[in-house]
N, C-alpha and C. Protein backbone atom coordinates (compact mmCIF):
# COMPACT_ATOMS: atom_id res chain seq x y z
N MET A 1 188.48 38.00 96.78
CA MET A 1 187.35 37.43 96.52
C MET A 1 187.34 36.43 97.85
N LYS A 2 188.84 36.30 98.67
CA LYS A 2 189.05 35.76 99.89
C LYS A 2 188.23 36.75 100.97
N LYS A 3 188.68 37.87 100.49
CA LYS A 3 187.97 39.28 101.52
C LYS A 3 186.66 39.18 101.97
N ILE A 4 186.11 39.17 100.11
CA ILE A 4 183.98 39.04 100.96
C ILE A 4 183.85 37.74 101.18
N ASN A 5 184.45 36.76 101.32
CA ASN A 5 183.72 35.59 101.88
C ASN A 5 184.50 35.43 103.55
N ILE A 6 185.44 36.34 104.01
CA ILE A 6 185.71 36.37 105.63
C ILE A 6 184.66 37.37 105.85
N LEU A 7 184.07 38.79 105.12
CA LEU A 7 183.65 39.22 105.42
C LEU A 7 181.55 38.64 105.27
N LEU A 8 181.36 38.19 104.69
CA LEU A 8 180.38 37.68 104.76
C LEU A 8 180.05 36.55 105.92
N LEU A 9 181.03 35.74 106.08
CA LEU A 9 181.47 35.31 107.41
C LEU A 9 181.20 36.12 108.92
N PHE A 10 181.78 36.99 108.62
CA PHE A 10 181.68 37.91 109.93
C PHE A 10 179.94 38.25 109.77
N LEU A 11 179.63 39.19 109.14
CA LEU A 11 177.96 39.47 108.89
C LEU A 11 177.57 38.43 109.75
N VAL A 12 177.24 37.00 108.63
CA VAL A 12 176.39 35.69 109.30
C VAL A 12 176.35 35.76 110.93
N SER A 13 177.77 35.78 111.08
CA SER A 13 177.95 35.00 112.78
C SER A 13 177.21 36.28 113.52
N ILE A 14 177.27 37.41 113.27
CA ILE A 14 177.13 38.58 114.23
C ILE A 14 175.27 38.96 114.37
N VAL A 15 175.05 38.12 112.90
CA VAL A 15 173.24 38.14 112.87
C VAL A 15 172.81 37.12 113.20
N THR A 16 173.34 35.93 113.67
CA THR A 16 173.09 34.66 114.14
C THR A 16 173.73 35.18 115.44
N TYR A 17 174.21 35.68 116.19
CA TYR A 17 174.45 35.95 117.54
C TYR A 17 173.30 36.60 118.07
N SER A 18 173.04 38.05 117.09
CA SER A 18 172.05 38.51 117.71
C SER A 18 170.34 38.34 117.53
N GLN A 19 170.46 37.24 117.20
CA GLN A 19 168.95 36.43 117.01
C GLN A 19 168.51 35.73 118.41
N ASN A 20 169.91 34.68 118.97
CA ASN A 20 169.74 34.18 120.12
C ASN A 20 169.87 34.79 121.18
N SER A 21 169.47 36.36 121.10
CA SER A 21 169.70 36.73 122.99
C SER A 21 168.84 36.33 124.05
N ASP A 22 169.07 36.07 124.84
CA ASP A 22 168.03 35.78 125.72
C ASP A 22 167.89 36.56 127.47
N ARG A 23 167.69 37.76 126.94
CA ARG A 23 167.98 39.01 127.27
C ARG A 23 165.97 39.64 127.38
N PRO A 24 165.91 39.60 129.02
CA PRO A 24 164.45 40.41 128.96
C PRO A 24 164.41 41.71 128.37
N ILE A 25 163.39 41.74 127.60
CA ILE A 25 162.68 42.73 126.89
C ILE A 25 161.96 43.69 127.45
N GLU A 26 162.67 44.90 127.28
CA GLU A 26 162.19 45.82 128.19
C GLU A 26 161.44 47.03 127.77
N PHE A 27 160.17 47.41 128.07
CA PHE A 27 159.21 48.31 128.09
C PHE A 27 159.06 49.35 128.25
N VAL A 28 158.74 50.69 127.80
CA VAL A 28 158.86 51.65 128.79
C VAL A 28 157.45 52.34 128.62
N MET A 29 157.40 52.56 129.68
CA MET A 29 155.61 53.35 130.15
C MET A 29 155.56 54.84 128.91
N ILE A 30 154.46 54.91 128.21
CA ILE A 30 153.98 55.36 127.43
C ILE A 30 154.06 57.03 128.43
N GLU A 31 154.43 58.47 128.57
CA GLU A 31 153.70 58.96 129.71
C GLU A 31 152.63 60.10 128.70
N ILE A 32 153.08 60.27 127.99
CA ILE A 32 151.51 60.81 127.01
C ILE A 32 151.12 60.20 125.76
N PRO A 33 150.28 59.39 126.16
CA PRO A 33 149.75 58.68 125.11
C PRO A 33 148.88 59.52 124.02
N PRO A 34 149.07 58.81 122.15
CA PRO A 34 148.47 59.39 121.42
C PRO A 34 146.66 59.75 121.49
N VAL A 35 146.49 60.61 121.23
CA VAL A 35 145.02 61.39 121.30
C VAL A 35 144.41 62.08 120.10
N TYR A 36 143.33 61.46 120.15
CA TYR A 36 143.30 61.56 118.44
C TYR A 36 141.88 63.27 118.72
N LYS A 37 142.61 63.14 117.51
CA LYS A 37 142.37 64.73 116.94
C LYS A 37 140.78 65.19 117.38
N GLY A 38 141.01 66.58 118.75
CA GLY A 38 140.07 67.16 118.80
C GLY A 38 139.42 66.74 120.22
N CYS A 39 140.04 65.94 120.87
CA CYS A 39 140.60 65.33 122.08
C CYS A 39 141.50 66.12 123.00
N GLU A 40 142.28 66.60 122.69
CA GLU A 40 143.45 67.73 123.66
C GLU A 40 143.34 68.18 124.27
N LYS A 41 141.50 69.05 124.00
CA LYS A 41 141.14 69.96 125.11
C LYS A 41 140.42 69.63 126.53
N GLU A 42 140.66 68.13 126.08
CA GLU A 42 139.67 67.33 127.34
C GLU A 42 140.83 68.00 128.91
N LYS A 43 140.35 67.95 129.83
CA LYS A 43 141.28 67.90 130.73
C LYS A 43 141.83 67.01 131.50
N SER A 44 141.79 65.48 131.90
CA SER A 44 142.17 65.15 132.25
C SER A 44 142.51 63.53 131.21
N ASP A 45 143.24 62.85 132.02
CA ASP A 45 143.54 61.46 130.88
C ASP A 45 142.25 60.32 130.84
N SER A 46 141.75 60.24 131.80
CA SER A 46 140.72 59.50 131.29
C SER A 46 139.68 59.91 130.17
N ASN A 47 139.46 61.23 130.49
CA ASN A 47 138.83 62.15 129.24
C ASN A 47 139.38 61.99 127.82
N ARG A 48 140.43 62.37 128.07
CA ARG A 48 140.71 61.98 126.96
C ARG A 48 140.96 60.81 126.14
N LYS A 49 141.04 60.39 126.99
CA LYS A 49 140.95 58.39 126.57
C LYS A 49 139.96 58.03 125.95
N ALA A 50 138.76 58.56 127.06
CA ALA A 50 137.10 58.48 126.32
C ALA A 50 136.64 58.94 125.12
N CYS A 51 137.24 60.16 124.65
CA CYS A 51 136.96 61.14 123.71
C CYS A 51 137.72 60.29 122.20
N SER A 52 138.80 60.12 122.87
CA SER A 52 139.42 59.20 121.14
C SER A 52 139.10 58.25 121.14
N THR A 53 138.75 57.53 122.38
CA THR A 53 137.65 55.70 121.95
C THR A 53 136.53 56.34 120.79
N LYS A 54 135.68 57.05 121.72
CA LYS A 54 134.65 57.24 121.18
C LYS A 54 134.99 57.86 119.26
N LEU A 55 135.68 58.96 119.25
CA LEU A 55 135.75 59.42 117.83
C LEU A 55 136.54 58.13 117.10
N LEU A 56 137.25 57.28 117.62
CA LEU A 56 137.79 56.68 116.74
C LEU A 56 136.99 55.47 116.00
N LEU A 57 136.38 55.15 117.02
CA LEU A 57 134.94 53.91 116.96
C LEU A 57 134.68 54.59 116.11
N GLU A 58 133.86 55.93 115.80
CA GLU A 58 132.48 56.80 114.94
C GLU A 58 133.92 56.32 113.48
N HIS A 59 135.30 57.03 113.25
CA HIS A 59 135.09 57.10 112.20
C HIS A 59 135.86 55.79 111.82
N ILE A 60 135.55 54.62 112.29
CA ILE A 60 135.91 52.95 111.92
C ILE A 60 134.52 52.78 111.50
N ASP A 61 133.28 53.30 112.26
CA ASP A 61 131.65 52.98 111.62
C ASP A 61 131.31 53.66 110.10
N ASP A 62 132.11 54.88 110.60
CA ASP A 62 131.76 55.97 108.94
C ASP A 62 132.51 55.22 107.84
N ASN A 63 133.83 54.98 108.08
CA ASN A 63 134.68 54.17 107.20
C ASN A 63 134.70 53.33 106.87
N PHE A 64 134.49 51.94 107.32
CA PHE A 64 134.34 50.66 107.09
C PHE A 64 132.98 50.09 106.96
N ASP A 65 133.24 49.01 106.43
CA ASP A 65 132.14 48.08 106.11
C ASP A 65 132.11 47.21 107.43
N THR A 66 131.49 47.52 108.74
CA THR A 66 131.57 46.47 109.57
C THR A 66 130.67 45.78 109.81
N ALA A 67 129.38 45.80 108.61
CA ALA A 67 128.68 43.97 108.89
C ALA A 67 128.74 43.23 108.65
N VAL A 68 128.44 42.39 109.48
CA VAL A 68 128.60 40.72 109.28
C VAL A 68 127.92 40.02 108.50
N SER A 69 128.29 39.61 107.26
CA SER A 69 127.15 38.83 106.39
C SER A 69 127.31 37.33 106.52
C-alpha cells in the first residue's frame, strides 16, 4: 500500500508540473495543405484552395439545414 501511495504522489506531481509550463507553444507551417477530393488536379495552391472551398460549401449546403428561422 505504501508503494502505491508513493507512485500516486509521483504521478500527481508529474501531471501538476507539466500543466504549469510557461514555454511558448510552437506551431509548424503546413507545407502541403489538405485538398478536397477532386481538387488535386488543380495546378496552383490558390486554385486548389478555391476549388476546395467551393466544394466544401456545396457539401455543407447539400447536407445541412443552414436556413435561419
